[in-house]
Protein backbone atom coordinates (compact mmCIF):
# COMPACT_ATOMS: atom_id res chain seq x y z
CA MET A 1 0.00 0.00 0.00
CA ILE A 2 1.22 3.48 -0.90
CA THR A 3 0.87 5.70 2.17
CA LEU A 4 1.51 9.34 2.98
CA ALA A 5 4.98 8.31 4.15
CA TRP A 6 5.94 7.81 0.50
CA LEU A 7 5.04 11.42 -0.20
CA TYR A 8 7.17 12.54 2.75
CA ILE A 9 10.08 10.55 1.36
CA LEU A 10 9.62 12.18 -2.05
CA ALA A 11 9.64 15.65 -0.46
CA GLY A 12 12.69 14.70 1.60
CA VAL A 13 14.56 13.62 -1.53
CA VAL A 14 13.80 16.94 -3.24
CA PHE A 15 14.93 18.98 -0.21
CA THR A 16 18.07 16.85 0.01
CA LEU A 17 18.95 17.55 -3.62
CA TRP A 18 18.37 21.27 -3.06
CA SER A 19 20.63 21.15 -0.03
CA ILE A 20 23.43 19.41 -1.95
CA ARG A 21 23.16 21.71 -4.95
CA SER A 22 23.11 24.75 -2.65
CA ALA A 23 26.29 23.63 -0.91
CA LEU A 24 28.01 23.25 -4.29
CA ASP A 25 26.85 26.65 -5.60
CA ALA A 26 29.97 28.81 -5.26
CA THR A 27 28.14 31.81 -6.77
CA ASN A 28 25.93 32.16 -3.68
CA PRO A 29 27.81 33.72 -0.74
CA LYS A 30 25.23 32.26 1.65
CA ARG A 31 25.23 28.80 0.13
CA PHE A 32 25.94 26.97 3.39
CA GLY A 33 23.01 28.69 5.12
CA ASN A 34 20.73 27.58 2.28
CA ALA A 35 22.20 24.08 2.34
CA THR A 36 21.62 23.78 6.09
CA PHE A 37 18.07 25.14 5.88
CA TRP A 38 16.94 22.75 3.12
CA GLY A 39 18.91 19.92 4.72
CA LEU A 40 17.08 20.35 8.03
CA LEU A 41 13.76 20.32 6.19
CA ALA A 42 14.80 17.12 4.43
CA PHE A 43 15.74 15.61 7.79
CA SER A 44 12.31 16.51 9.20
CA PHE A 45 10.53 14.77 6.32
CA PHE A 46 12.69 11.67 6.59
CA PHE A 47 12.87 11.31 10.36
CA GLY A 48 10.27 13.64 11.87
CA ASP A 49 8.11 10.73 13.01
CA TYR A 50 11.04 9.30 14.94
CA LEU A 51 11.98 12.52 16.72
CA SER A 52 10.46 13.52 20.03
CA ASP A 53 8.35 16.67 20.35
CA LEU A 54 11.44 18.33 21.82
CA GLY A 55 13.58 17.19 18.88
CA ASN A 56 11.12 18.53 16.31
CA GLY A 57 10.84 21.76 18.29
CA LEU A 58 14.61 22.22 18.29
CA LEU A 59 14.68 21.56 14.56
CA VAL A 60 12.09 24.29 13.99
CA LEU A 61 14.07 26.70 16.20
CA ALA A 62 17.15 25.96 14.10
CA LEU A 63 15.21 26.85 10.94
CA VAL A 64 13.99 30.06 12.58
CA GLY A 65 17.54 30.91 13.64
CA ILE A 66 18.94 30.44 10.14
CA ALA A 67 16.24 32.66 8.66
CA GLY A 68 16.28 35.20 11.50
CA PHE A 69 20.02 35.79 11.32
CA GLY A 70 19.87 36.40 7.57
CA LEU A 71 21.84 33.31 6.61
CA LEU A 72 19.70 32.59 3.54
CA GLY A 73 20.63 33.99 0.14
CA ARG A 74 19.07 33.95 -3.29
CA SER A 75 20.69 31.66 -5.84
CA ASN A 76 20.68 32.01 -9.60
CA PRO A 77 21.77 28.69 -11.10
CA PRO A 78 22.57 28.77 -14.84
CA THR A 79 19.87 26.64 -16.46
CA THR A 80 18.47 28.49 -19.48
CA SER A 81 19.06 32.06 -20.58
CA ILE A 82 16.34 34.68 -20.90
CA GLU A 83 16.71 34.47 -24.68
CA GLU A 84 16.19 30.70 -24.66
CA ARG A 85 13.10 31.03 -22.49
CA GLN A 86 11.69 33.71 -24.76
CA ALA A 87 12.27 31.51 -27.79
CA LEU A 88 10.55 28.54 -26.13
CA SER A 89 7.64 30.75 -25.13
CA GLU A 90 7.16 32.05 -28.67
CA ARG A 91 7.46 28.56 -30.17
CA LEU A 92 5.23 26.64 -27.75
CA GLY A 93 2.85 29.34 -26.54
CA ASN A 94 0.14 28.22 -24.14
CA ARG A 95 1.12 24.58 -24.61
CA LEU A 96 3.72 25.24 -21.93
CA PHE A 97 0.89 25.14 -19.38
CA LEU A 98 -0.10 21.57 -20.27
CA PRO A 99 2.33 19.87 -17.84
CA ALA A 100 1.03 22.09 -15.02
CA LEU A 101 -2.53 20.92 -15.78
CA ILE A 102 -1.47 17.29 -15.44
CA ILE A 103 -1.08 17.72 -11.67
CA PRO A 104 -4.65 18.77 -10.74
CA ILE A 105 -6.16 16.48 -13.38
CA THR A 106 -4.28 13.49 -11.94
CA ALA A 107 -5.34 14.36 -8.41
CA PHE A 108 -9.02 14.98 -9.29
CA ALA A 109 -9.59 12.22 -11.83
CA GLY A 110 -7.58 9.71 -9.84
CA THR A 111 -9.53 10.44 -6.67
CA MET A 112 -12.86 10.06 -8.49
CA LEU A 113 -11.79 6.75 -10.02
CA TYR A 114 -10.46 5.44 -6.73
CA ASN A 115 -13.52 6.40 -4.73
CA TYR A 116 -16.28 5.55 -7.21
CA THR A 117 -15.01 2.58 -9.25
CA ALA A 118 -13.74 -0.91 -8.55
CA PHE A 119 -10.21 0.50 -8.58
CA GLY A 120 -10.70 1.56 -4.97
CA ALA A 121 -11.11 -2.06 -3.91
CA SER A 122 -7.48 -2.70 -4.81
CA GLY A 123 -6.32 -0.98 -1.60
CA LEU A 124 -3.39 0.52 -3.50
CA PHE A 125 -3.51 3.86 -1.67
CA GLU A 126 -4.01 4.76 1.98
CA ALA A 127 -7.75 5.44 2.12
CA SER A 128 -7.72 8.82 3.84
CA ARG A 129 -4.77 10.18 1.83
CA VAL A 130 -5.73 9.33 -1.74
CA THR A 131 -5.86 12.90 -3.06
CA LEU A 132 -2.55 13.93 -1.50
CA ILE A 133 -0.79 10.82 -2.82
CA LEU A 134 -2.23 11.36 -6.30
CA LEU A 135 -1.15 14.99 -6.15
CA GLY A 136 2.43 13.81 -5.65
CA LEU A 137 2.00 11.26 -8.43
CA GLY A 138 0.74 14.03 -10.71
CA VAL A 139 3.91 16.03 -10.03
CA LEU A 140 6.05 13.05 -11.05
CA ILE A 141 4.00 12.47 -14.22
CA ALA A 142 4.20 16.17 -15.16
CA LEU A 143 7.96 16.14 -14.57
CA ALA A 144 8.37 13.06 -16.77
CA VAL A 145 6.32 14.70 -19.54
CA CYS A 146 8.44 17.87 -19.37
CA MET A 147 11.68 15.91 -19.50
CA ALA A 148 10.52 13.86 -22.50
CA TRP A 149 8.95 16.82 -24.33
CA LEU A 150 11.30 19.75 -23.67
CA ARG A 151 14.49 17.72 -23.05
CA PRO A 152 16.08 20.13 -20.56
CA PRO A 153 19.39 19.35 -18.79
CA LEU A 154 18.98 16.54 -16.27
CA LEU A 155 19.44 18.80 -13.24
CA ALA A 156 17.30 21.66 -14.59
CA PRO A 157 14.19 20.73 -12.52
CA ILE A 158 16.24 20.63 -9.32
CA ASP A 159 18.10 23.86 -10.03
CA GLU A 160 15.00 25.74 -11.18
CA GLY A 161 13.08 24.54 -8.15
CA ARG A 162 15.95 25.65 -5.93
CA ARG A 163 16.10 29.05 -7.60
CA LEU A 164 12.38 29.58 -7.03
CA MET A 165 12.46 28.39 -3.42
CA ASP A 166 15.54 30.49 -2.65
CA SER A 167 13.65 33.50 -4.01
CA ILE A 168 10.79 32.79 -1.62
CA GLY A 169 13.14 31.84 1.23
CA TRP A 170 11.84 31.11 4.71
CA ALA A 171 8.31 32.14 3.74
CA ALA A 172 8.02 28.87 1.82
CA VAL A 173 7.50 26.98 5.09
CA LEU A 174 5.28 29.64 6.67
CA PRO A 175 1.98 27.80 5.95
CA GLN A 176 3.19 24.69 7.79
CA MET A 177 4.45 26.77 10.72
CA LEU A 178 1.16 28.67 11.01
CA ALA A 179 -0.89 25.50 10.73
CA ALA A 180 1.09 24.12 13.66
CA LEU A 181 0.46 27.38 15.53
CA GLY A 182 -3.27 26.92 15.00
CA ALA A 183 -3.06 23.45 16.51
CA VAL A 184 -1.19 24.88 19.51
CA PHE A 185 -3.88 27.54 19.97
CA ALA A 186 -6.56 24.86 19.81
CA LEU A 187 -4.81 22.71 22.42
CA ALA A 188 -4.38 25.75 24.64
CA GLY A 189 -8.15 26.23 24.72
CA VAL A 190 -8.32 29.46 22.73
CA GLY A 191 -11.25 28.08 20.75
CA GLU A 192 -13.28 27.36 23.88
CA ILE A 193 -12.69 30.87 25.19
CA ILE A 194 -13.80 32.44 21.92
CA GLY A 195 -16.76 30.06 21.80
CA GLY A 196 -17.85 31.20 25.25
CA LEU A 197 -17.66 34.84 24.24
CA ALA A 198 -19.50 34.19 20.97
CA GLY A 199 -22.21 32.21 22.73
CA ALA A 200 -22.92 35.21 24.94
CA VAL A 201 -23.60 37.54 21.99
CA ILE A 202 -25.31 35.21 19.50
CA PRO A 203 -29.11 35.40 19.85
CA GLU A 204 -30.50 31.96 20.71
CA GLY A 205 -31.66 30.14 17.60
CA ASN A 206 -30.27 32.74 15.18
CA VAL A 207 -28.36 30.61 12.68
CA PHE A 208 -27.39 33.47 10.37
CA VAL A 209 -25.64 35.46 13.09
CA ALA A 210 -23.78 32.33 14.19
CA VAL A 211 -22.68 31.67 10.60
CA ALA A 212 -21.63 35.31 10.18
CA ILE A 213 -19.51 35.27 13.35
CA TYR A 214 -17.94 31.96 12.27
CA ALA A 215 -17.08 33.27 8.80
CA VAL A 216 -15.82 36.63 10.08
CA GLY A 217 -13.78 34.82 12.70
CA MET A 218 -12.20 32.58 10.06
CA ALA A 219 -11.23 35.59 7.95
CA ALA A 220 -10.07 37.67 10.92
CA PHE A 221 -7.95 34.92 12.51
CA THR A 222 -6.49 34.17 9.09
CA MET A 223 -5.47 37.81 8.74
CA VAL A 224 -3.81 37.68 12.17
CA MET A 225 -2.04 34.36 11.74
CA GLY A 226 -1.52 34.51 7.98
CA ASN A 227 -3.12 31.21 7.00
CA ALA A 228 -6.59 29.68 7.13
CA PHE A 229 -5.07 26.37 8.23
CA ALA A 230 -4.03 28.09 11.45
CA ALA A 231 -7.42 29.73 11.95
CA PHE A 232 -9.52 26.64 11.28
CA PRO A 233 -8.86 24.56 14.43
CA VAL A 234 -9.53 27.63 16.60
CA MET A 235 -12.81 28.64 14.93
CA ALA A 236 -13.96 25.04 14.53
CA ALA A 237 -13.55 24.49 18.26
CA ALA A 238 -15.13 27.84 19.08
CA ILE A 239 -18.18 27.99 16.80
CA GLY A 240 -18.06 25.51 13.94
CA VAL A 241 -18.50 22.29 15.90
CA PRO A 242 -20.33 23.24 19.13
CA ILE A 243 -22.72 25.87 17.72
CA LEU A 244 -23.19 25.27 14.00
CA ILE A 245 -22.84 21.48 13.77
CA GLN A 246 -23.95 20.21 17.19
CA GLY A 247 -26.20 23.10 18.14
CA HIS A 248 -27.98 23.70 14.84
CA GLY A 249 -27.38 20.41 13.01
CA GLY A 250 -25.37 21.94 10.16
CA ASN A 251 -23.62 19.93 7.46
CA ALA A 252 -20.06 19.43 8.72
CA ALA A 253 -18.54 19.12 5.24
CA VAL A 254 -20.07 22.38 4.02
CA ILE A 255 -19.21 24.26 7.21
CA GLY A 256 -15.62 23.02 7.15
CA ALA A 257 -14.88 23.40 3.43
CA ILE A 258 -16.60 26.74 2.77
CA GLY A 259 -15.42 28.03 6.14
CA MET A 260 -11.87 27.47 4.91
CA LEU A 261 -12.71 29.45 1.77
CA ALA A 262 -13.96 32.30 3.95
CA GLY A 263 -10.64 32.15 5.76
CA PHE A 264 -8.74 32.27 2.49
CA CYS A 265 -10.48 35.57 1.76
CA GLY A 266 -8.58 36.87 4.77
CA THR A 267 -5.38 35.50 3.27
CA LEU A 268 -5.87 37.85 0.32
CA MET A 269 -5.91 40.88 2.62
CA THR A 270 -3.06 40.37 5.07
CA PRO A 271 0.72 40.95 4.98
CA MET A 272 1.02 38.06 7.45
CA ALA A 273 0.52 35.75 4.46
CA ALA A 274 3.99 36.77 3.36
CA ASN A 275 4.51 33.89 0.95
CA PHE A 276 1.35 34.88 -0.94
CA ASN A 277 1.35 38.67 -0.73
CA ILE A 278 4.72 40.11 0.26
CA VAL A 279 7.10 37.76 -1.55
CA PRO A 280 5.35 38.21 -4.95
CA ALA A 281 5.56 41.98 -4.51
CA ALA A 282 9.30 41.63 -3.95
CA LEU A 283 9.77 39.26 -6.88
CA LEU A 284 7.79 41.56 -9.19
CA GLU A 285 9.72 44.58 -7.83
CA LEU A 286 6.53 46.52 -7.13
CA ARG A 287 6.91 50.04 -5.73
CA SER A 288 4.79 49.11 -2.70
CA GLN A 289 5.15 45.86 -0.80
CA TYR A 290 1.38 45.99 -0.22
CA GLY A 291 0.55 46.34 -3.92
CA VAL A 292 -0.64 42.75 -4.25
CA ILE A 293 -2.95 43.11 -1.24
CA ARG A 294 -4.50 46.31 -2.56
CA MET A 295 -5.31 44.63 -5.87
CA GLN A 296 -6.90 41.64 -4.12
CA ILE A 297 -9.21 43.43 -1.67
CA GLY A 298 -11.81 44.13 -4.37
CA THR A 299 -12.06 40.38 -4.98
CA ALA A 300 -11.70 39.23 -1.39
CA ILE A 301 -14.65 41.13 0.13
CA PRO A 302 -17.37 40.08 -2.39
CA LEU A 303 -16.00 36.54 -2.34
CA PHE A 304 -16.21 36.50 1.45
CA VAL A 305 -19.86 37.59 1.34
CA CYS A 306 -20.61 34.81 -1.16
CA ASN A 307 -18.94 32.21 1.06
CA LEU A 308 -20.89 33.40 4.10
CA LEU A 309 -24.18 33.08 2.21
CA LEU A 310 -23.21 29.67 0.83
CA ILE A 311 -22.59 28.32 4.33
CA TYR A 312 -25.97 29.62 5.48
CA LEU A 313 -27.88 28.33 2.44
CA LEU A 314 -26.17 24.97 1.94
CA ALA A 315 -25.36 23.79 5.45
CA PHE A 316 -28.81 24.16 7.01
């Protein structure tokens, strides 16, 4: 059976290759900081399950220290020149996007086939991780197609991936860090405290107000913590489960899924989501680091209202 552990191993292999290539990149004055950072991430994917909570915590502190002391630097490995990329773009046009489409198609179509055909009876994939495993498989298929079609140098995928990740830097692991922070908040009882406060102001039996507070809370906590994955365990414990699902009999799938979408609307409006909003502004060399956020607010607010209404109309 293919389990999520296989996906962790795949990620660990990629981070290991980035670490090795970073250490060998003499053009980057901070190459050893990059090599150590990606190497520690590789170690966490390979051996995280075998480390104690203290060991994993120390590993995270080491990552924070490397980033905090400015030991990461941007690399620029020589893969293809700007002229070569321009020529490929003019020759292939929008066909260049086909490999990228392979990834979501593999994940979606594969999940449908596995869940709704006899293929699922094979037990090939871990039942609760089918989509994630197929997402990783889609990446491998897309990579194979690119290598066979475009015939780049053998190490081009590794070096281009490293160049992109070095450009993003520490913010690349921010979603995972914030998701862990959300779990810590939930274990600390923050959700119960917020739930008690919300219960005092929500009129008894008023489903719409409860939904509105849940959706606003998802967006607001996402703006504070930078990621809806961090906000979800807090708001689910505070309002989603005790009030909307248990109290009013709401559909858990709708409340969870669309609640996350409401949270993502907050992602569009916060500098705390640095990997989404601040890093792109830096990469695009915008005059204002908040330029991306300003452009997204006009989409985020109407989309948030739609998500709020969808929860109310579909979950009850």
